[in-house]
Amino acid sequence: MPPRSARPSAGTEDQPHLLLISGIGGHPPAAALDSLSRLSPAVSVVHIAAWGDPEPVRADWAARGLRGEFLTAADLDDAVAVGLALHGRYALSGVVTYSELLLRPQAELAERLGLPGNAPEAVTVAQSKSRQRQVFAEHGVPSPRFAEIREEADLAEAARGIGLPAVFKPSLGAGSQSVRLVRTYEELLEAYRDGRATVSAFLQSEDVFLLEERLELEADGDSGWAAYCSVESLLAAGERHHLAVSDRLELRHGYAEEGASMPSRLDPAVQAAAVDCADRAIRAIGLTTGAVHTEIALTPQGPRVIEVNARAGGPMPVMFEVCARYDYAEQIGRSALGLAPDTVPEFTRTALMRMVPIPAGEWLVAAQTPVAELMAAFPELAYVKPRFGPGQTASRSRTLHLATFMLGAPTPGRALELADRIERALGIELVEAGAQSETALARAT
């Protein structure tokens, strides 16, 4: 499907009017506004208030003195209506989001206004693991064997067809939430019932779960890395630009993600095969515009697609900045205007993002090192983001990680070593929820 051309903006022709849809997840709105304002002084925002207070984002937008409007919407459908009304007052040239959960209104607005963007049908496939698996099977894209589960009665047949152990996951989801390795039918039943009871952050729903063949993703030998990677791509002006391959840290807490590193330390031939696999998957889904983050399993039989995401991987804009001084968020904005990228990343060091998983159970955070102290002690840090403070409770039923941080280092090996030192320095101490004795005290790491 050829990409749609941008409609000229109202006002000054060389200052297009961009719309950022924000509300939850993805690249932080403040950083996104910095990048988009390099393309034009006219940047409006539609912020979906269903997940929280829009006022901090409004203040960030107002502080930049941008032309346009800051608007709020109640939900995904309302975001489309608000965007259409804005276009009637001040014609839009492009629509951008950096969030998985906001892809649908972005695609619908772009289609209805004739702006560059992915077709809503392609976004629907990209957000559905079930639909992806079907499309990959139709187009011969290598991916895991799978069975759909729509009701409890489907569990036994799925287990027989795929075999156990296997991986259970919701079709609609992000961040590895509710993804489990199930070894027995009893564990599969428990995972299914828990999945049914879990409230998703998505405002839309898909009443389907998957049981997939297990791929040995957890570790690539004793290297410290997992046996999967991701391909970071930019689709613009009818071309697919595969910018980098990112490695994944070894999985030590089930399928809770542990972090990523860029650029890849993998052999060039392995990287090329992963990129080719990602390219085939992107074409099969029909994506044409913006960022794409494709996770690839590295199996003895060759690369296999885990999933395709029609947006930047969560930390990737910052990782590109740390290791290549490359503004990925700005280039995504260019794509939304129908423009080809005007630069490519040139890597000078390694960026590593560490995600510290919450151990299984219910925990009280007893102590952790202040962020300012960590930043002063480790100049290599780009940021540290604790998810909890002392006195708060942490459970994997609500979120998967205690903290995240990002660093820059000369090599992947040095980055791993430094990440271990910083993780110890986080000083996160956990007490079992309800426990009274000091013997319950545990280091998160």
Protein backbone atom coordinates (compact mmCIF):
# COMPACT_ATOMS: atom_id res chain seq x y z
CA MET A 1 0.00 0.00 0.00
CA PRO A 2 1.61 3.33 -1.02
CA PRO A 3 1.99 5.96 1.72
CA ARG A 4 -0.43 8.86 1.69
CA SER A 5 0.90 12.33 0.92
CA ALA A 6 0.79 15.16 3.45
CA ARG A 7 -1.82 17.89 3.01
CA PRO A 8 -0.33 21.41 3.12
CA SER A 9 -0.75 23.18 6.44
CA ALA A 10 -2.61 26.39 7.07
CA GLY A 11 -0.46 29.47 7.53
CA THR A 12 3.22 29.55 6.65
CA GLU A 13 3.87 26.76 4.15
CA ASP A 14 7.30 25.85 5.50
CA GLN A 15 5.93 25.54 9.08
CA PRO A 16 3.69 22.47 9.12
CA HIS A 17 1.23 21.86 11.94
CA LEU A 18 1.90 18.65 13.88
CA LEU A 19 -0.46 16.97 16.33
CA LEU A 20 0.95 14.89 19.21
CA ILE A 21 -1.44 12.39 20.81
CA SER A 22 -0.39 11.65 24.39
CA GLY A 23 -1.88 10.17 27.54
CA ILE A 24 0.01 7.04 28.57
CA GLY A 25 3.26 5.23 27.82
CA GLY A 26 5.90 5.68 25.17
CA HIS A 27 8.38 8.54 24.85
CA PRO A 28 7.65 11.21 27.52
CA PRO A 29 5.57 14.12 26.16
CA ALA A 30 8.08 16.76 27.26
CA ALA A 31 10.91 15.08 25.34
CA ALA A 32 8.61 14.46 22.36
CA LEU A 33 7.67 18.15 22.25
CA ASP A 34 11.35 19.11 22.24
CA SER A 35 11.94 16.88 19.22
CA LEU A 36 8.81 17.88 17.29
CA SER A 37 9.43 21.59 17.87
CA ARG A 38 12.67 21.22 15.88
CA LEU A 39 10.47 20.43 12.88
CA SER A 40 8.00 23.27 13.36
CA PRO A 41 6.91 25.86 15.94
CA ALA A 42 3.32 24.68 15.37
CA VAL A 43 2.69 21.62 17.55
CA SER A 44 -0.70 20.90 19.09
CA VAL A 45 -1.47 18.20 21.65
CA VAL A 46 -4.52 16.01 22.22
CA HIS A 47 -4.03 14.44 25.64
CA ILE A 48 -6.32 11.54 26.58
CA ALA A 49 -7.21 12.06 30.23
CA ALA A 50 -8.52 8.53 30.91
CA TRP A 51 -5.23 7.53 32.58
CA GLY A 52 -4.47 10.63 34.65
CA ASP A 53 -4.19 14.38 35.10
CA PRO A 54 -3.34 16.24 31.84
CA GLU A 55 -2.18 19.42 33.59
CA PRO A 56 1.55 18.56 33.88
CA VAL A 57 1.64 17.90 30.13
CA ARG A 58 -0.31 21.11 29.48
CA ALA A 59 2.30 23.03 31.50
CA ASP A 60 5.16 21.44 29.50
CA TRP A 61 3.46 22.41 26.25
CA ALA A 62 2.71 25.98 27.38
CA ALA A 63 6.28 26.52 28.59
CA ARG A 64 7.59 26.00 25.05
CA GLY A 65 5.49 28.79 23.52
CA LEU A 66 4.36 26.63 20.63
CA ARG A 67 1.67 27.63 18.18
CA GLY A 68 -1.41 25.45 18.16
CA GLU A 69 -3.73 24.19 20.88
CA PHE A 70 -3.60 21.93 23.92
CA LEU A 71 -6.75 19.84 24.05
CA THR A 72 -7.98 16.97 26.20
CA ALA A 73 -10.06 13.96 25.21
CA ALA A 74 -11.99 11.48 27.32
CA ASP A 75 -10.99 8.31 25.43
CA LEU A 76 -9.71 6.99 22.10
CA ASP A 77 -12.84 7.80 20.11
CA ASP A 78 -13.04 11.27 21.61
CA ALA A 79 -9.40 11.88 20.61
CA VAL A 80 -10.39 11.36 16.98
CA ALA A 81 -13.32 13.76 17.28
CA VAL A 82 -11.19 16.40 19.03
CA GLY A 83 -8.47 16.06 16.39
CA LEU A 84 -10.95 16.44 13.54
CA ALA A 85 -12.36 19.59 15.12
CA LEU A 86 -8.85 21.01 15.56
CA HIS A 87 -8.13 20.34 11.89
CA GLY A 88 -11.17 22.43 11.00
CA ARG A 89 -9.68 25.40 12.85
CA TYR A 90 -6.00 24.93 11.94
CA ALA A 91 -5.21 22.34 9.28
CA LEU A 92 -2.99 19.50 10.42
CA SER A 93 0.04 18.33 8.43
CA GLY A 94 0.87 15.21 10.44
CA VAL A 95 -0.26 13.15 13.44
CA VAL A 96 2.26 11.58 15.83
CA THR A 97 2.15 9.30 18.84
CA TYR A 98 4.90 7.35 20.61
CA SER A 99 2.54 5.10 22.59
CA GLU A 100 1.31 1.61 21.79
CA LEU A 101 -2.04 2.36 23.40
CA LEU A 102 -2.67 5.44 21.24
CA LEU A 103 -1.94 4.02 17.79
CA ARG A 104 -5.60 3.58 16.84
CA PRO A 105 -6.66 7.26 17.06
CA GLN A 106 -3.46 8.27 15.30
CA ALA A 107 -4.20 5.94 12.39
CA GLU A 108 -7.87 6.91 12.18
CA LEU A 109 -7.09 10.63 12.16
CA ALA A 110 -4.40 10.24 9.50
CA GLU A 111 -6.72 8.20 7.28
CA ARG A 112 -9.69 10.56 7.62
CA LEU A 113 -7.54 13.63 6.92
CA GLY A 114 -5.52 12.06 4.09
CA LEU A 115 -2.24 12.45 6.00
CA PRO A 116 0.75 10.09 6.04
CA GLY A 117 0.10 7.19 8.36
CA ASN A 118 -0.47 3.48 8.76
CA ALA A 119 -3.85 2.16 7.67
CA PRO A 120 -6.11 1.43 10.66
CA GLU A 121 -6.35 -2.18 9.43
CA ALA A 122 -2.55 -2.57 9.66
CA VAL A 123 -2.52 -1.06 13.17
CA THR A 124 -5.25 -3.50 14.23
CA VAL A 125 -3.06 -6.40 13.10
CA ALA A 126 0.04 -4.91 14.76
CA GLN A 127 -1.78 -4.59 18.10
CA SER A 128 -3.14 -8.15 18.00
CA LYS A 129 -0.71 -11.00 18.56
CA SER A 130 -3.37 -13.38 17.30
CA ARG A 131 -3.87 -11.46 14.04
CA GLN A 132 -0.10 -11.18 13.60
CA ARG A 133 0.33 -14.93 13.88
CA GLN A 134 -2.38 -15.48 11.26
CA VAL A 135 -0.83 -12.97 8.86
CA PHE A 136 2.64 -14.44 9.32
CA ALA A 137 1.32 -17.93 8.59
CA GLU A 138 -0.35 -16.66 5.41
CA HIS A 139 2.84 -14.92 4.21
CA GLY A 140 5.39 -17.53 5.25
CA VAL A 141 7.03 -15.32 7.90
CA PRO A 142 8.79 -17.55 10.46
CA SER A 143 7.14 -17.30 13.89
CA PRO A 144 6.19 -19.68 16.75
CA ARG A 145 3.45 -22.26 16.39
CA PHE A 146 0.34 -21.06 18.23
CA ALA A 147 -3.21 -21.88 19.25
CA GLU A 148 -5.98 -19.39 20.00
CA ILE A 149 -7.86 -19.60 23.28
CA ARG A 150 -11.24 -17.86 23.43
CA GLU A 151 -12.80 -19.77 26.31
CA GLU A 152 -11.78 -22.23 28.99
CA ALA A 153 -13.00 -25.15 26.88
CA ASP A 154 -10.21 -24.38 24.35
CA LEU A 155 -7.38 -25.00 26.84
CA ALA A 156 -7.09 -28.77 26.53
CA GLU A 157 -6.98 -28.77 22.73
CA ALA A 158 -4.44 -25.94 22.73
CA ALA A 159 -2.22 -27.86 25.15
CA ARG A 160 -2.42 -31.00 23.02
CA GLY A 161 -1.70 -29.14 19.80
CA ILE A 162 1.22 -27.01 21.01
CA GLY A 163 2.54 -29.23 23.78
CA LEU A 164 3.77 -28.26 27.22
CA PRO A 165 5.76 -26.43 28.41
CA ALA A 166 4.51 -23.49 26.33
CA VAL A 167 4.06 -19.73 26.56
CA PHE A 168 0.69 -18.26 27.50
CA LYS A 169 -0.02 -14.61 26.62
CA PRO A 170 -2.91 -12.22 25.96
CA SER A 171 -3.41 -11.29 22.32
CA LEU A 172 -3.73 -7.61 23.21
CA GLY A 173 -1.09 -6.41 25.62
CA ALA A 174 2.26 -4.72 26.13
CA GLY A 175 5.25 -4.89 28.43
CA SER A 176 5.08 -8.69 28.90
CA GLN A 177 2.13 -8.33 31.28
CA SER A 178 0.38 -11.70 31.89
CA VAL A 179 2.96 -13.56 29.75
CA ARG A 180 3.87 -16.85 31.46
CA LEU A 181 5.71 -20.09 30.88
CA VAL A 182 3.25 -22.87 31.70
CA ARG A 183 4.57 -26.39 32.30
CA THR A 184 1.37 -28.23 33.23
CA TYR A 185 -2.31 -28.05 32.39
CA GLU A 186 -2.97 -26.78 35.92
CA GLU A 187 -0.54 -23.88 35.36
CA LEU A 188 -2.20 -23.14 32.02
CA LEU A 189 -5.63 -23.04 33.66
CA GLU A 190 -4.36 -20.74 36.39
CA ALA A 191 -2.70 -18.42 33.83
CA TYR A 192 -5.91 -18.27 31.79
CA ARG A 193 -8.08 -17.44 34.80
CA ASP A 194 -5.60 -14.83 36.02
CA GLY A 195 -5.45 -13.35 32.52
CA ARG A 196 -9.22 -13.08 32.41
CA ALA A 197 -9.19 -11.25 35.75
CA THR A 198 -6.41 -8.82 34.81
CA VAL A 199 -7.50 -5.28 33.93
CA SER A 200 -5.58 -4.05 30.88
CA ALA A 201 -4.42 -0.46 30.41
CA PHE A 202 -5.79 -0.67 26.86
CA LEU A 203 -9.14 1.08 26.46
CA GLN A 204 -10.05 -1.40 23.74
CA SER A 205 -10.17 -5.17 24.30
CA GLU A 206 -9.64 -8.40 22.40
CA ASP A 207 -11.10 -11.49 24.01
CA VAL A 208 -8.37 -13.84 22.80
CA PHE A 209 -5.34 -15.48 24.42
CA LEU A 210 -2.55 -17.46 22.78
CA LEU A 211 -0.64 -20.58 23.67
CA GLU A 212 2.66 -20.60 21.77
CA GLU A 213 5.46 -23.07 21.45
CA ARG A 214 8.27 -22.30 23.83
CA LEU A 215 11.36 -20.77 22.27
CA GLU A 216 14.54 -20.84 24.35
CA LEU A 217 14.79 -17.07 24.78
CA GLU A 218 16.03 -16.76 28.35
CA ALA A 219 19.79 -16.92 27.79
CA ASP A 220 22.37 -17.00 25.01
CA GLY A 221 24.74 -19.40 26.74
CA ASP A 222 26.58 -17.72 29.61
CA SER A 223 27.05 -14.42 27.75
CA GLY A 224 24.74 -12.40 30.00
CA TRP A 225 22.42 -11.75 27.05
CA ALA A 226 19.10 -13.32 26.08
CA ALA A 227 18.60 -15.33 22.87
CA TYR A 228 16.47 -12.66 21.21
CA CYS A 229 16.95 -9.18 19.84
CA SER A 230 14.91 -6.38 18.31
CA VAL A 231 15.13 -4.47 15.05
CA GLU A 232 14.49 -0.72 15.25
CA SER A 233 13.06 0.64 12.01
CA LEU A 234 11.73 3.86 10.51
CA LEU A 235 9.20 3.76 7.67
CA ALA A 236 9.02 6.99 5.71
CA ALA A 237 8.20 8.26 2.23
CA GLY A 238 7.66 4.75 0.89
CA GLU A 239 10.92 3.28 2.21
CA ARG A 240 11.80 0.99 5.13
CA HIS A 241 14.93 2.08 6.98
CA HIS A 242 16.28 -0.47 9.48
CA LEU A 243 18.39 1.67 11.80
CA ALA A 244 19.74 -0.71 14.44
CA VAL A 245 19.60 -4.12 16.06
CA SER A 246 19.30 -4.10 19.85
CA ASP A 247 20.29 -6.93 22.17
CA ARG A 248 18.31 -8.10 25.20
CA LEU A 249 19.59 -8.84 28.69
CA GLU A 250 19.29 -12.38 30.05
CA LEU A 251 15.84 -13.21 31.46
CA ARG A 252 16.11 -14.31 35.08
CA HIS A 253 12.56 -13.60 36.33
CA GLY A 254 10.28 -15.44 33.92
CA TYR A 255 9.26 -13.29 30.96
CA ALA A 256 9.67 -9.95 32.75
CA GLU A 257 11.96 -7.94 30.46
CA GLU A 258 15.36 -7.18 31.98
CA GLY A 259 16.74 -4.56 29.61
CA ALA A 260 18.27 -3.81 26.23
CA SER A 261 21.55 -2.70 24.68
CA MET A 262 22.34 -0.83 21.46
CA PRO A 263 24.08 -1.27 19.06
CA SER A 264 24.13 -5.06 18.88
CA ARG A 265 27.20 -7.13 19.67
CA LEU A 266 25.87 -9.96 17.44
CA ASP A 267 27.72 -11.25 14.40
CA PRO A 268 26.89 -9.15 11.28
CA ALA A 269 25.40 -12.19 9.51
CA VAL A 270 23.07 -12.86 12.45
CA GLN A 271 22.02 -9.21 12.47
CA ALA A 272 21.37 -9.26 8.73
CA ALA A 273 19.15 -12.34 9.07
CA ALA A 274 17.20 -10.69 11.89
CA VAL A 275 16.71 -7.53 9.82
CA ASP A 276 15.48 -9.56 6.84
CA CYS A 277 13.01 -11.41 9.05
CA ALA A 278 11.73 -8.10 10.49
CA ASP A 279 11.38 -6.61 7.02
CA ARG A 280 9.25 -9.54 5.86
CA ALA A 281 7.02 -9.22 8.93
CA ILE A 282 6.53 -5.46 8.47
CA ARG A 283 5.58 -5.94 4.81
CA ALA A 284 3.16 -8.77 5.68
CA ILE A 285 1.31 -6.58 8.19
CA GLY A 286 1.18 -3.65 5.77
CA LEU A 287 2.87 -0.96 7.87
CA THR A 288 4.14 2.04 5.90
CA THR A 289 4.82 4.95 8.25
CA GLY A 290 6.64 5.77 11.48
CA ALA A 291 8.67 3.72 13.91
CA VAL A 292 8.53 -0.08 14.11
CA HIS A 293 10.01 -2.23 16.88
CA THR A 294 10.25 -5.92 15.90
CA GLU A 295 11.31 -8.57 18.42
CA ILE A 296 13.15 -11.52 16.90
CA ALA A 297 13.95 -14.89 18.52
CA LEU A 298 17.41 -16.23 17.67
CA THR A 299 16.83 -19.97 17.35
CA PRO A 300 19.06 -22.78 16.02
CA GLN A 301 16.71 -22.91 13.01
CA GLY A 302 17.16 -19.19 12.31
CA PRO A 303 15.36 -15.98 13.30
CA ARG A 304 11.66 -16.11 14.12
CA VAL A 305 9.36 -13.16 14.77
CA ILE A 306 8.11 -12.82 18.33
CA GLU A 307 6.05 -9.69 17.64
CA VAL A 308 5.91 -6.46 15.66
CA ASN A 309 5.06 -3.15 17.33
CA ALA A 310 4.01 -0.18 15.19
CA ARG A 311 5.86 2.35 17.35
CA ALA A 312 9.26 2.93 18.90
CA GLY A 313 10.27 0.51 21.63
CA GLY A 314 9.79 2.31 24.95
CA PRO A 315 13.41 3.36 25.68
CA MET A 316 14.66 3.48 22.08
CA PRO A 317 14.53 7.27 21.47
CA VAL A 318 16.74 7.84 24.53
CA MET A 319 19.01 4.91 23.64
CA PHE A 320 19.63 6.36 20.17
CA GLU A 321 20.49 9.70 21.79
CA VAL A 322 22.92 8.11 24.28
CA CYS A 323 24.82 5.90 21.83
CA ALA A 324 24.57 7.89 18.57
CA ARG A 325 23.35 11.44 19.35
CA TYR A 326 20.45 10.58 17.04
CA ASP A 327 17.02 12.17 17.53
CA TYR A 328 14.77 9.21 16.70
CA ALA A 329 11.67 11.05 17.95
CA GLU A 330 12.30 13.91 15.50
CA GLN A 331 12.73 11.48 12.61
CA ILE A 332 9.42 9.83 13.54
CA GLY A 333 7.87 13.30 13.29
CA ARG A 334 9.38 13.73 9.82
CA SER A 335 7.80 10.45 8.77
CA ALA A 336 4.39 11.71 9.93
CA LEU A 337 4.88 14.65 7.56
CA GLY A 338 5.62 12.31 4.65
CA LEU A 339 9.33 13.21 4.70
CA ALA A 340 12.28 10.83 4.35
CA PRO A 341 14.83 10.80 7.18
CA ASP A 342 17.49 13.49 6.84
CA THR A 343 20.12 11.67 8.91
CA VAL A 344 21.10 8.18 10.06
CA PRO A 345 22.55 7.08 13.41
CA GLU A 346 26.33 6.87 13.74
CA PHE A 347 27.14 4.80 16.81
CA THR A 348 30.02 5.92 19.02
CA ARG A 349 29.34 3.90 22.19
CA THR A 350 26.92 1.44 23.81
CA ALA A 351 23.65 2.43 25.47
CA LEU A 352 22.21 -0.02 27.99
CA MET A 353 18.81 0.22 29.63
CA ARG A 354 18.30 -1.96 32.71
CA MET A 355 14.87 -2.93 34.06
CA VAL A 356 15.01 -4.40 37.58
CA PRO A 357 12.18 -6.94 37.96
CA ILE A 358 10.06 -7.31 41.08
CA PRO A 359 10.60 -10.75 42.64
CA ALA A 360 7.51 -12.94 42.85
CA GLY A 361 5.39 -12.05 45.86
CA GLU A 362 4.14 -8.98 47.73
CA TRP A 363 6.82 -6.59 49.02
CA LEU A 364 7.27 -3.43 51.04
CA VAL A 365 10.11 -1.18 49.81
CA ALA A 366 12.15 -0.58 52.96
CA ALA A 367 14.97 1.53 51.49
CA GLN A 368 16.65 2.71 48.31
CA THR A 369 19.40 5.16 47.34
CA PRO A 370 18.24 8.68 46.38
CA VAL A 371 18.36 9.40 42.64
CA ALA A 372 20.56 12.49 43.04
CA GLU A 373 23.14 10.44 44.92
CA LEU A 374 23.21 7.78 42.18
CA MET A 375 23.51 10.35 39.38
CA ALA A 376 26.44 12.00 41.18
CA ALA A 377 28.19 8.67 41.78
CA PHE A 378 27.79 7.38 38.22
CA PRO A 379 28.30 10.06 35.54
CA GLU A 380 27.62 7.42 32.89
CA LEU A 381 23.93 7.41 33.83
CA ALA A 382 21.41 9.09 31.53
CA TYR A 383 18.60 8.60 34.06
CA VAL A 384 17.36 6.53 37.01
CA LYS A 385 13.62 6.00 37.48
CA PRO A 386 12.46 4.21 40.65
CA ARG A 387 8.91 2.91 40.38
CA PHE A 388 8.36 2.97 44.15
CA GLY A 389 9.51 4.90 47.19
CA PRO A 390 10.34 3.66 50.69
CA GLY A 391 7.16 2.61 52.45
CA GLN A 392 5.31 1.71 49.25
CA THR A 393 4.26 -1.82 48.30
CA ALA A 394 5.43 -3.56 45.13
CA SER A 395 3.82 -6.53 43.41
CA ARG A 396 4.18 -8.03 39.92
CA SER A 397 0.40 -8.16 39.72
CA ARG A 398 0.47 -4.37 39.18
CA THR A 399 3.76 -3.69 37.40
CA LEU A 400 6.78 -5.81 36.57
CA HIS A 401 9.73 -3.63 37.62
CA LEU A 402 11.17 -1.92 40.67
CA ALA A 403 13.26 0.59 38.75
CA THR A 404 14.80 1.35 35.37
CA PHE A 405 18.01 3.14 34.47
CA MET A 406 20.01 3.91 31.34
CA LEU A 407 23.76 4.30 30.92
CA GLY A 408 26.39 4.85 28.27
CA ALA A 409 29.65 2.86 28.08
CA PRO A 410 32.45 2.23 25.56
CA THR A 411 31.51 -1.41 24.82
CA PRO A 412 28.69 -3.91 25.50
CA GLY A 413 30.87 -5.78 27.99
CA ARG A 414 31.70 -2.62 29.92
CA ALA A 415 28.03 -1.66 29.85
CA LEU A 416 27.03 -4.98 31.47
CA GLU A 417 29.68 -4.59 34.17
CA LEU A 418 28.61 -1.04 34.91
CA ALA A 419 24.93 -2.01 35.01
CA ASP A 420 25.70 -4.62 37.69
CA ARG A 421 27.51 -2.00 39.81
CA ILE A 422 24.68 0.51 39.47
CA GLU A 423 22.06 -2.11 40.27
CA ARG A 424 23.82 -2.92 43.53
CA ALA A 425 24.13 0.80 44.27
CA LEU A 426 20.35 1.25 43.90
CA GLY A 427 20.18 -0.11 47.43
CA ILE A 428 16.62 -1.37 47.04
CA GLU A 429 15.68 -3.39 50.12
CA LEU A 430 12.43 -5.34 50.21
CA VAL A 431 10.43 -6.70 53.14
CA GLU A 432 7.76 -9.31 52.59
CA ALA A 433 4.39 -7.59 52.90
CA GLY A 434 3.05 -8.17 56.41
CA ALA A 435 6.36 -9.52 57.70
CA GLN A 436 7.61 -8.05 60.98
CA SER A 437 11.05 -9.58 61.48
CA GLU A 438 14.31 -8.32 60.09
CA THR A 439 14.95 -11.76 58.64
CA ALA A 440 12.42 -10.95 55.93
CA LEU A 441 14.67 -8.17 54.62
CA ALA A 442 15.99 -8.92 51.11
CA ARG A 443 17.97 -7.17 48.47
CA ALA A 444 15.98 -6.79 45.25
CA THR A 445 18.98 -7.95 43.28
